[in-house]
């Protein structure tokens, strides 16, 4: 089966999408924190769930955590569990990632790495490829950019640009609002703002649907590969901390 070629597929989807309830004020979810569960699928085949938890530590610091694990039939083919943790701080209204930790375990191979963001020295250190990069403005990890996106859309921006670091590289992601769209999820149907990204390394593109009634939290994220394969995350449930 093409969707289950190997365990690497599941981890690739999770790290790439890498990317709720009753009405709150636009800043409500970021300030209060939340726990959201998403369904993860590839070419319409259900792979598992990703649970994302944002917790505020103090007025200027948050911890954003993602735990992704296989469910259902996919467990017969994939056993990898992926844990991601981003520490985020705020200064003069801008969000800055401080540290991102990734751990993939439970399968045949253990993978761990850390991204360290030193905003004083303007350096980004990656323990996976042992590279150090210049830390440019609007640089984020795969989790922190989602919170920044919410904040930017709340501020009325209809196009944004982020430098996003992952396991092996640093790329520029440009997202532009396309239109309002009706998005059906296991929770409810949302009226969402559809954003389309540039082609990343000419190989993949992202489409993100963010719901204004939830402070523009993503309710659906789609990754389209060069060969047309689609990986999707869709909101399943939400609760406020």
C-alpha atoms as a PDB file:
ATOM      1  CA  UNK A   1       0.000   0.000   0.000  1.00  0.00           C
ATOM      2  CA  UNK A   2       1.468   3.333  -1.111  1.00  0.00           C
ATOM      3  CA  UNK A   3       0.371   5.217   2.007  1.00  0.00           C
ATOM      4  CA  UNK A   4       2.215   2.852   4.301  1.00  0.00           C
ATOM      5  CA  UNK A   5       5.513   2.324   2.528  1.00  0.00           C
ATOM      6  CA  UNK A   6       7.469   2.676   5.767  1.00  0.00           C
ATOM      7  CA  UNK A   7       7.470   4.232   9.200  1.00  0.00           C
ATOM      8  CA  UNK A   8       9.328   7.264   7.872  1.00  0.00           C
ATOM      9  CA  UNK A   9       6.186   8.418   6.089  1.00  0.00           C
ATOM     10  CA  UNK A  10       4.291   8.937   9.346  1.00  0.00           C
ATOM     11  CA  UNK A  11       7.118  10.905  10.957  1.00  0.00           C
ATOM     12  CA  UNK A  12       7.530  13.003   7.816  1.00  0.00           C
ATOM     13  CA  UNK A  13       3.876  13.999   7.874  1.00  0.00           C
ATOM     14  CA  UNK A  14       3.936  14.884  11.544  1.00  0.00           C
ATOM     15  CA  UNK A  15       7.039  17.022  11.411  1.00  0.00           C
ATOM     16  CA  UNK A  16       5.930  18.794   8.242  1.00  0.00           C
ATOM     17  CA  UNK A  17       2.451  19.636   9.483  1.00  0.00           C
ATOM     18  CA  UNK A  18       4.744  19.937  11.023  1.00  0.00           C
ATOM     19  CA  UNK A  19       1.766  23.896  11.577  1.00  0.00           C
ATOM     20  CA  UNK A  20     -11.819  24.880  18.416  1.00  0.00           C
ATOM     21  CA  UNK A  21     -14.816  25.357  20.663  1.00  0.00           C
ATOM     22  CA  UNK A  22     -17.038  28.242  21.848  1.00  0.00           C
ATOM     23  CA  UNK A  23     -16.225  31.774  20.702  1.00  0.00           C
ATOM     24  CA  UNK A  24     -13.426  33.626  22.534  1.00  0.00           C
ATOM     25  CA  UNK A  25     -11.710  36.943  21.967  1.00  0.00           C
ATOM     26  CA  UNK A  26      -9.073  36.879  19.259  1.00  0.00           C
ATOM     27  CA  UNK A  27      -6.200  36.715  21.723  1.00  0.00           C
ATOM     28  CA  UNK A  28      -8.033  34.312  24.027  1.00  0.00           C
ATOM     29  CA  UNK A  29      -6.464  31.033  22.998  1.00  0.00           C
ATOM     30  CA  UNK A  30      -2.913  32.319  23.086  1.00  0.00           C
ATOM     31  CA  UNK A  31      -3.370  33.969  26.467  1.00  0.00           C
ATOM     32  CA  UNK A  32      -5.331  31.156  28.101  1.00  0.00           C
ATOM     33  CA  UNK A  33      -3.664  28.185  26.433  1.00  0.00           C
ATOM     34  CA  UNK A  34      -5.444  25.196  24.943  1.00  0.00           C
ATOM     35  CA  UNK A  35      -5.354  21.488  24.131  1.00  0.00           C
ATOM     36  CA  UNK A  36      -6.312  20.555  20.579  1.00  0.00           C
ATOM     37  CA  UNK A  37      -6.461  17.172  18.894  1.00  0.00           C
ATOM     38  CA  UNK A  38      -6.022  16.699  15.123  1.00  0.00           C
ATOM     39  CA  UNK A  39      -6.589  13.723  12.840  1.00  0.00           C
ATOM     40  CA  UNK A  40      -3.587  12.974  10.591  1.00  0.00           C
ATOM     41  CA  UNK A  41      -4.130  11.317   7.205  1.00  0.00           C
ATOM     42  CA  UNK A  42      -2.219  10.652   3.982  1.00  0.00           C
ATOM     43  CA  UNK A  43      -4.095  10.409   0.678  1.00  0.00           C
ATOM     44  CA  UNK A  44      -7.323  10.020   2.681  1.00  0.00           C
ATOM     45  CA  UNK A  45      -5.908   7.115   4.740  1.00  0.00           C
ATOM     46  CA  UNK A  46      -6.179   7.778   8.491  1.00  0.00           C
ATOM     47  CA  UNK A  47      -2.804   7.401  10.214  1.00  0.00           C
ATOM     48  CA  UNK A  48      -3.284   8.698  13.757  1.00  0.00           C
ATOM     49  CA  UNK A  49      -3.713  11.726  15.995  1.00  0.00           C
ATOM     50  CA  UNK A  50      -1.640  14.743  16.894  1.00  0.00           C
ATOM     51  CA  UNK A  51      -2.387  16.377  20.253  1.00  0.00           C
ATOM     52  CA  UNK A  52      -1.120  19.928  20.680  1.00  0.00           C
ATOM     53  CA  UNK A  53      -1.000  21.707  24.021  1.00  0.00           C
ATOM     54  CA  UNK A  54      -0.164  25.375  24.584  1.00  0.00           C
ATOM     55  CA  UNK A  55       0.569  26.314  28.203  1.00  0.00           C
ATOM     56  CA  UNK A  56       1.438  29.788  29.429  1.00  0.00           C
ATOM     57  CA  UNK A  57       4.272  29.772  31.967  1.00  0.00           C
ATOM     58  CA  UNK A  58       4.195  33.502  32.789  1.00  0.00           C
ATOM     59  CA  UNK A  59       3.301  36.765  31.032  1.00  0.00           C
ATOM     60  CA  UNK A  60       6.076  36.358  28.478  1.00  0.00           C
ATOM     61  CA  UNK A  61       6.682  32.595  28.113  1.00  0.00           C
ATOM     62  CA  UNK A  62       4.754  29.663  26.621  1.00  0.00           C
ATOM     63  CA  UNK A  63       5.397  25.954  26.119  1.00  0.00           C
ATOM     64  CA  UNK A  64       3.837  24.476  22.986  1.00  0.00           C
ATOM     65  CA  UNK A  65       3.900  20.685  22.818  1.00  0.00           C
ATOM     66  CA  UNK A  66       2.855  18.216  20.123  1.00  0.00           C
ATOM     67  CA  UNK A  67       2.478  14.446  20.559  1.00  0.00           C
ATOM     68  CA  UNK A  68       1.749  12.424  17.422  1.00  0.00           C
ATOM     69  CA  UNK A  69       1.036   8.684  17.465  1.00  0.00           C
ATOM     70  CA  UNK A  70      -0.434   6.076  15.086  1.00  0.00           C
ATOM     71  CA  UNK A  71      -3.984   4.828  15.604  1.00  0.00           C
ATOM     72  CA  UNK A  72      -6.246   2.182  14.130  1.00  0.00           C
ATOM     73  CA  UNK A  73      -5.012   0.077  11.212  1.00  0.00           C
ATOM     74  CA  UNK A  74      -1.893   2.251  10.880  1.00  0.00           C
ATOM     75  CA  UNK A  75      -0.552   0.800  14.148  1.00  0.00           C
ATOM     76  CA  UNK A  76       0.058  -2.485  12.330  1.00  0.00           C
ATOM     77  CA  UNK A  77       2.551  -0.738  10.060  1.00  0.00           C
ATOM     78  CA  UNK A  78       3.873   2.211  12.087  1.00  0.00           C
ATOM     79  CA  UNK A  79       4.886   2.309  15.749  1.00  0.00           C
ATOM     80  CA  UNK A  80       6.757   5.615  15.872  1.00  0.00           C
ATOM     81  CA  UNK A  81       5.684   8.220  18.443  1.00  0.00           C
ATOM     82  CA  UNK A  82       6.778  11.799  17.819  1.00  0.00           C
ATOM     83  CA  UNK A  83       7.175  14.361  20.593  1.00  0.00           C
ATOM     84  CA  UNK A  84       7.909  18.028  19.878  1.00  0.00           C
ATOM     85  CA  UNK A  85       8.311  20.837  22.417  1.00  0.00           C
ATOM     86  CA  UNK A  86       8.787  24.524  21.621  1.00  0.00           C
ATOM     87  CA  UNK A  87       9.601  27.157  24.237  1.00  0.00           C
ATOM     88  CA  UNK A  88       8.384  30.586  23.106  1.00  0.00           C
ATOM     89  CA  UNK A  89       8.930  34.022  24.602  1.00  0.00           C
ATOM     90  CA  UNK A  90       7.405  37.430  23.804  1.00  0.00           C
ATOM     91  CA  UNK A  91       9.090  40.814  23.585  1.00  0.00           C
ATOM     92  CA  UNK A  92       7.270  44.001  22.573  1.00  0.00           C
ATOM     93  CA  UNK A  93       4.424  41.956  21.111  1.00  0.00           C
ATOM     94  CA  UNK A  94       6.662  39.757  18.939  1.00  0.00           C
ATOM     95  CA  UNK A  95       6.987  36.019  19.590  1.00  0.00           C
ATOM     96  CA  UNK A  96      10.431  34.391  19.602  1.00  0.00           C
ATOM     97  CA  UNK A  97      11.247  30.671  19.800  1.00  0.00           C
ATOM     98  CA  UNK A  98      13.935  29.916  22.376  1.00  0.00           C
ATOM     99  CA  UNK A  99      14.293  26.138  22.073  1.00  0.00           C
ATOM    100  CA  UNK A 100      12.697  23.355  20.045  1.00  0.00           C
ATOM    101  CA  UNK A 101      13.115  19.683  20.981  1.00  0.00           C
ATOM    102  CA  UNK A 102      12.188  16.727  18.778  1.00  0.00           C
ATOM    103  CA  UNK A 103      12.063  13.059  19.781  1.00  0.00           C
ATOM    104  CA  UNK A 104      10.903  10.142  17.629  1.00  0.00           C
ATOM    105  CA  UNK A 105      10.807   6.772  19.381  1.00  0.00           C
ATOM    106  CA  UNK A 106       8.936   3.489  19.588  1.00  0.00           C
ATOM    107  CA  UNK A 107      10.001   2.326  16.128  1.00  0.00           C
ATOM    108  CA  UNK A 108      13.208   0.877  14.778  1.00  0.00           C
ATOM    109  CA  UNK A 109      15.225   4.052  15.237  1.00  0.00           C
ATOM    110  CA  UNK A 110      15.476   6.720  17.925  1.00  0.00           C
ATOM    111  CA  UNK A 111      15.826  10.253  16.548  1.00  0.00           C
ATOM    112  CA  UNK A 112      16.431  13.243  18.798  1.00  0.00           C
ATOM    113  CA  UNK A 113      17.594  16.773  18.127  1.00  0.00           C
ATOM    114  CA  UNK A 114      17.371  20.308  19.488  1.00  0.00           C
ATOM    115  CA  UNK A 115      17.206  23.734  17.872  1.00  0.00           C
ATOM    116  CA  UNK A 116      18.638  26.522  20.039  1.00  0.00           C
ATOM    117  CA  UNK A 117      17.700  30.119  19.182  1.00  0.00           C
ATOM    118  CA  UNK A 118      20.171  32.660  20.615  1.00  0.00           C
ATOM    119  CA  UNK A 119      18.624  36.058  19.903  1.00  0.00           C
ATOM    120  CA  UNK A 120      21.478  37.905  21.623  1.00  0.00           C
ATOM    121  CA  UNK A 121      24.178  36.372  19.436  1.00  0.00           C
ATOM    122  CA  UNK A 122      21.765  36.003  16.466  1.00  0.00           C
ATOM    123  CA  UNK A 123      22.646  32.336  15.979  1.00  0.00           C
ATOM    124  CA  UNK A 124      20.553  29.227  15.438  1.00  0.00           C
ATOM    125  CA  UNK A 125      22.189  25.928  16.404  1.00  0.00           C
ATOM    126  CA  UNK A 126      20.929  22.581  15.110  1.00  0.00           C
ATOM    127  CA  UNK A 127      22.165  19.506  16.992  1.00  0.00           C
ATOM    128  CA  UNK A 128      20.957  17.114  14.252  1.00  0.00           C
ATOM    129  CA  UNK A 129      23.134  18.330  11.389  1.00  0.00           C
ATOM    130  CA  UNK A 130      25.529  20.128  13.743  1.00  0.00           C
ATOM    131  CA  UNK A 131      25.104  23.353  11.806  1.00  0.00           C
ATOM    132  CA  UNK A 132      24.958  26.943  13.064  1.00  0.00           C
ATOM    133  CA  UNK A 133      22.955  29.479  11.072  1.00  0.00           C
ATOM    134  CA  UNK A 134      22.514  33.225  11.172  1.00  0.00           C
ATOM    135  CA  UNK A 135      19.334  33.911  13.122  1.00  0.00           C
ATOM    136  CA  UNK A 136      17.250  36.181  10.910  1.00  0.00           C
ATOM    137  CA  UNK A 137      14.142  38.142  11.978  1.00  0.00           C
ATOM    138  CA  UNK A 138      10.882  36.154  11.950  1.00  0.00           C
ATOM    139  CA  UNK A 139      12.692  32.826  12.315  1.00  0.00           C
ATOM    140  CA  UNK A 140      10.580  30.065  13.888  1.00  0.00           C
ATOM    141  CA  UNK A 141      10.435  26.332  14.447  1.00  0.00           C
ATOM    142  CA  UNK A 142       7.652  24.087  13.165  1.00  0.00           C
ATOM    143  CA  UNK A 143       5.493  24.740  16.225  1.00  0.00           C
ATOM    144  CA  UNK A 144       6.176  28.356  17.176  1.00  0.00           C
ATOM    145  CA  UNK A 145       5.304  29.672  13.718  1.00  0.00           C
ATOM    146  CA  UNK A 146       1.719  28.456  14.188  1.00  0.00           C
ATOM    147  CA  UNK A 147       1.257  30.700  17.212  1.00  0.00           C
ATOM    148  CA  UNK A 148       2.913  33.621  15.396  1.00  0.00           C
ATOM    149  CA  UNK A 149       0.586  33.035  12.439  1.00  0.00           C
ATOM    150  CA  UNK A 150      -2.448  33.280  14.712  1.00  0.00           C
ATOM    151  CA  UNK A 151      -1.170  36.550  16.181  1.00  0.00           C
ATOM    152  CA  UNK A 152      -0.374  38.035  12.759  1.00  0.00           C
ATOM    153  CA  UNK A 153      -3.793  37.174  11.328  1.00  0.00           C
ATOM    154  CA  UNK A 154      -5.437  38.668  14.411  1.00  0.00           C
ATOM    155  CA  UNK A 155      -3.522  41.864  13.626  1.00  0.00           C
ATOM    156  CA  UNK A 156      -5.164  41.981  10.198  1.00  0.00           C
ATOM    157  CA  UNK A 157      -2.283  40.788   8.028  1.00  0.00           C
ATOM    158  CA  UNK A 158      -3.299  38.967   4.827  1.00  0.00           C
ATOM    159  CA  UNK A 159       0.186  37.790   3.899  1.00  0.00           C
ATOM    160  CA  UNK A 160       3.123  36.757   6.075  1.00  0.00           C
ATOM    161  CA  UNK A 161       6.654  35.466   5.652  1.00  0.00           C
ATOM    162  CA  UNK A 162       8.583  33.306   8.109  1.00  0.00           C
ATOM    163  CA  UNK A 163      11.970  31.637   8.131  1.00  0.00           C
ATOM    164  CA  UNK A 164      11.296  28.130   9.483  1.00  0.00           C
ATOM    165  CA  UNK A 165      13.941  25.754  10.804  1.00  0.00           C
ATOM    166  CA  UNK A 166      13.436  21.993  10.858  1.00  0.00           C
ATOM    167  CA  UNK A 167      15.608  18.906  11.227  1.00  0.00           C
ATOM    168  CA  UNK A 168      17.878  19.445   8.240  1.00  0.00           C
ATOM    169  CA  UNK A 169      17.472  22.966   6.872  1.00  0.00           C
ATOM    170  CA  UNK A 170      16.118  26.493   7.091  1.00  0.00           C
ATOM    171  CA  UNK A 171      13.557  27.670   4.504  1.00  0.00           C
ATOM    172  CA  UNK A 172      11.447  30.746   3.831  1.00  0.00           C
ATOM    173  CA  UNK A 173       7.682  30.200   3.947  1.00  0.00           C
ATOM    174  CA  UNK A 174       5.456  32.853   2.370  1.00  0.00           C
ATOM    175  CA  UNK A 175       1.735  32.556   3.112  1.00  0.00           C
ATOM    176  CA  UNK A 176      -0.936  34.635   1.400  1.00  0.00           C
ATOM    177  CA  UNK A 177      -4.657  34.782   2.149  1.00  0.00           C
ATOM    178  CA  UNK A 178      -6.740  33.388  -0.697  1.00  0.00           C
ATOM    179  CA  UNK A 179     -10.410  33.466   0.338  1.00  0.00           C
ATOM    180  CA  UNK A 180     -12.897  32.512   3.028  1.00  0.00           C
ATOM    181  CA  UNK A 181     -13.716  28.822   2.841  1.00  0.00           C
ATOM    182  CA  UNK A 182     -16.114  26.404   4.517  1.00  0.00           C
ATOM    183  CA  UNK A 183     -14.121  23.638   6.239  1.00  0.00           C
ATOM    184  CA  UNK A 184     -15.786  20.492   7.550  1.00  0.00           C
ATOM    185  CA  UNK A 185     -14.084  18.892  10.558  1.00  0.00           C
ATOM    186  CA  UNK A 186     -15.065  16.082  12.956  1.00  0.00           C
ATOM    187  CA  UNK A 187     -15.910  18.837  15.441  1.00  0.00           C
ATOM    188  CA  UNK A 188     -18.010  21.200  13.267  1.00  0.00           C
ATOM    189  CA  UNK A 189     -17.982  23.141  10.019  1.00  0.00           C
ATOM    190  CA  UNK A 190     -15.873  26.297  10.257  1.00  0.00           C
ATOM    191  CA  UNK A 191     -15.876  29.459   8.181  1.00  0.00           C
ATOM    192  CA  UNK A 192     -12.104  29.726   7.729  1.00  0.00           C
ATOM    193  CA  UNK A 193      -9.535  31.911   6.021  1.00  0.00           C
ATOM    194  CA  UNK A 194      -7.592  29.911   3.419  1.00  0.00           C
ATOM    195  CA  UNK A 195      -3.861  30.660   3.115  1.00  0.00           C
ATOM    196  CA  UNK A 196      -1.601  29.268   0.391  1.00  0.00           C
ATOM    197  CA  UNK A 197       2.190  29.022   0.671  1.00  0.00           C
ATOM    198  CA  UNK A 198       4.936  29.356  -1.897  1.00  0.00           C
ATOM    199  CA  UNK A 199       6.509  26.196  -3.297  1.00  0.00           C
ATOM    200  CA  UNK A 200       9.114  25.123  -0.715  1.00  0.00           C
ATOM    201  CA  UNK A 201      12.320  24.075  -2.546  1.00  0.00           C
ATOM    202  CA  UNK A 202      10.071  23.587  -5.607  1.00  0.00           C
ATOM    203  CA  UNK A 203       8.943  20.311  -4.048  1.00  0.00           C
ATOM    204  CA  UNK A 204       5.993  20.943  -1.745  1.00  0.00           C
ATOM    205  CA  UNK A 205       3.294  23.456  -0.897  1.00  0.00           C
ATOM    206  CA  UNK A 206       1.127  24.083   2.142  1.00  0.00           C
ATOM    207  CA  UNK A 207      -2.488  25.215   2.430  1.00  0.00           C
ATOM    208  CA  UNK A 208      -3.693  26.296   5.867  1.00  0.00           C
ATOM    209  CA  UNK A 209      -7.262  27.075   6.901  1.00  0.00           C
ATOM    210  CA  UNK A 210      -7.550  29.302  10.010  1.00  0.00           C
ATOM    211  CA  UNK A 211     -10.846  29.964  11.810  1.00  0.00           C
ATOM    212  CA  UNK A 212     -11.459  33.617  12.844  1.00  0.00           C
ATOM    213  CA  UNK A 213     -13.891  32.528  15.566  1.00  0.00           C
ATOM    214  CA  UNK A 214     -11.018  30.647  17.224  1.00  0.00           C
ATOM    215  CA  UNK A 215      -8.512  33.468  17.009  1.00  0.00           C
ATOM    216  CA  UNK A 216      -7.331  32.138  13.622  1.00  0.00           C
ATOM    217  CA  UNK A 217      -6.153  28.820  14.986  1.00  0.00           C
ATOM    218  CA  UNK A 218      -5.510  26.378  12.097  1.00  0.00           C
ATOM    219  CA  UNK A 219      -8.420  23.944  11.733  1.00  0.00           C
ATOM    220  CA  UNK A 220      -6.983  22.222   8.679  1.00  0.00           C
ATOM    221  CA  UNK A 221      -3.444  21.962   7.273  1.00  0.00           C
ATOM    222  CA  UNK A 222      -2.637  20.316   3.943  1.00  0.00           C
ATOM    223  CA  UNK A 223       0.822  19.475   2.587  1.00  0.00           C
ATOM    224  CA  UNK A 224       0.975  18.784  -1.160  1.00  0.00           C
ATOM    225  CA  UNK A 225       4.025  16.909  -2.410  1.00  0.00           C
ATOM    226  CA  UNK A 226       5.626  17.310  -5.820  1.00  0.00           C
ATOM    227  CA  UNK A 227       4.012  14.025  -6.967  1.00  0.00           C
ATOM    228  CA  UNK A 228       0.556  15.159  -5.834  1.00  0.00           C
ATOM    229  CA  UNK A 229       0.416  13.153  -2.594  1.00  0.00           C
ATOM    230  CA  UNK A 230      -1.544  14.950   0.139  1.00  0.00           C
ATOM    231  CA  UNK A 231      -0.963  14.868   3.887  1.00  0.00           C
ATOM    232  CA  UNK A 232      -3.691  16.468   5.997  1.00  0.00           C
ATOM    233  CA  UNK A 233      -4.317  17.462   9.599  1.00  0.00           C
ATOM    234  CA  UNK A 234      -7.913  18.294  10.598  1.00  0.00           C
ATOM    235  CA  UNK A 235      -9.141  19.576  13.958  1.00  0.00           C
ATOM    236  CA  UNK A 236     -10.885  16.903  15.995  1.00  0.00           C
ATOM    237  CA  UNK A 237     -11.507  18.483  19.406  1.00  0.00           C
ATOM    238  CA  UNK A 238     -10.468  21.404  21.616  1.00  0.00           C
ATOM    239  CA  UNK A 239     -10.525  22.465  25.234  1.00  0.00           C
ATOM    240  CA  UNK A 240      -9.298  25.630  26.919  1.00  0.00           C
ATOM    241  CA  UNK A 241      -6.764  25.426  29.740  1.00  0.00           C
END
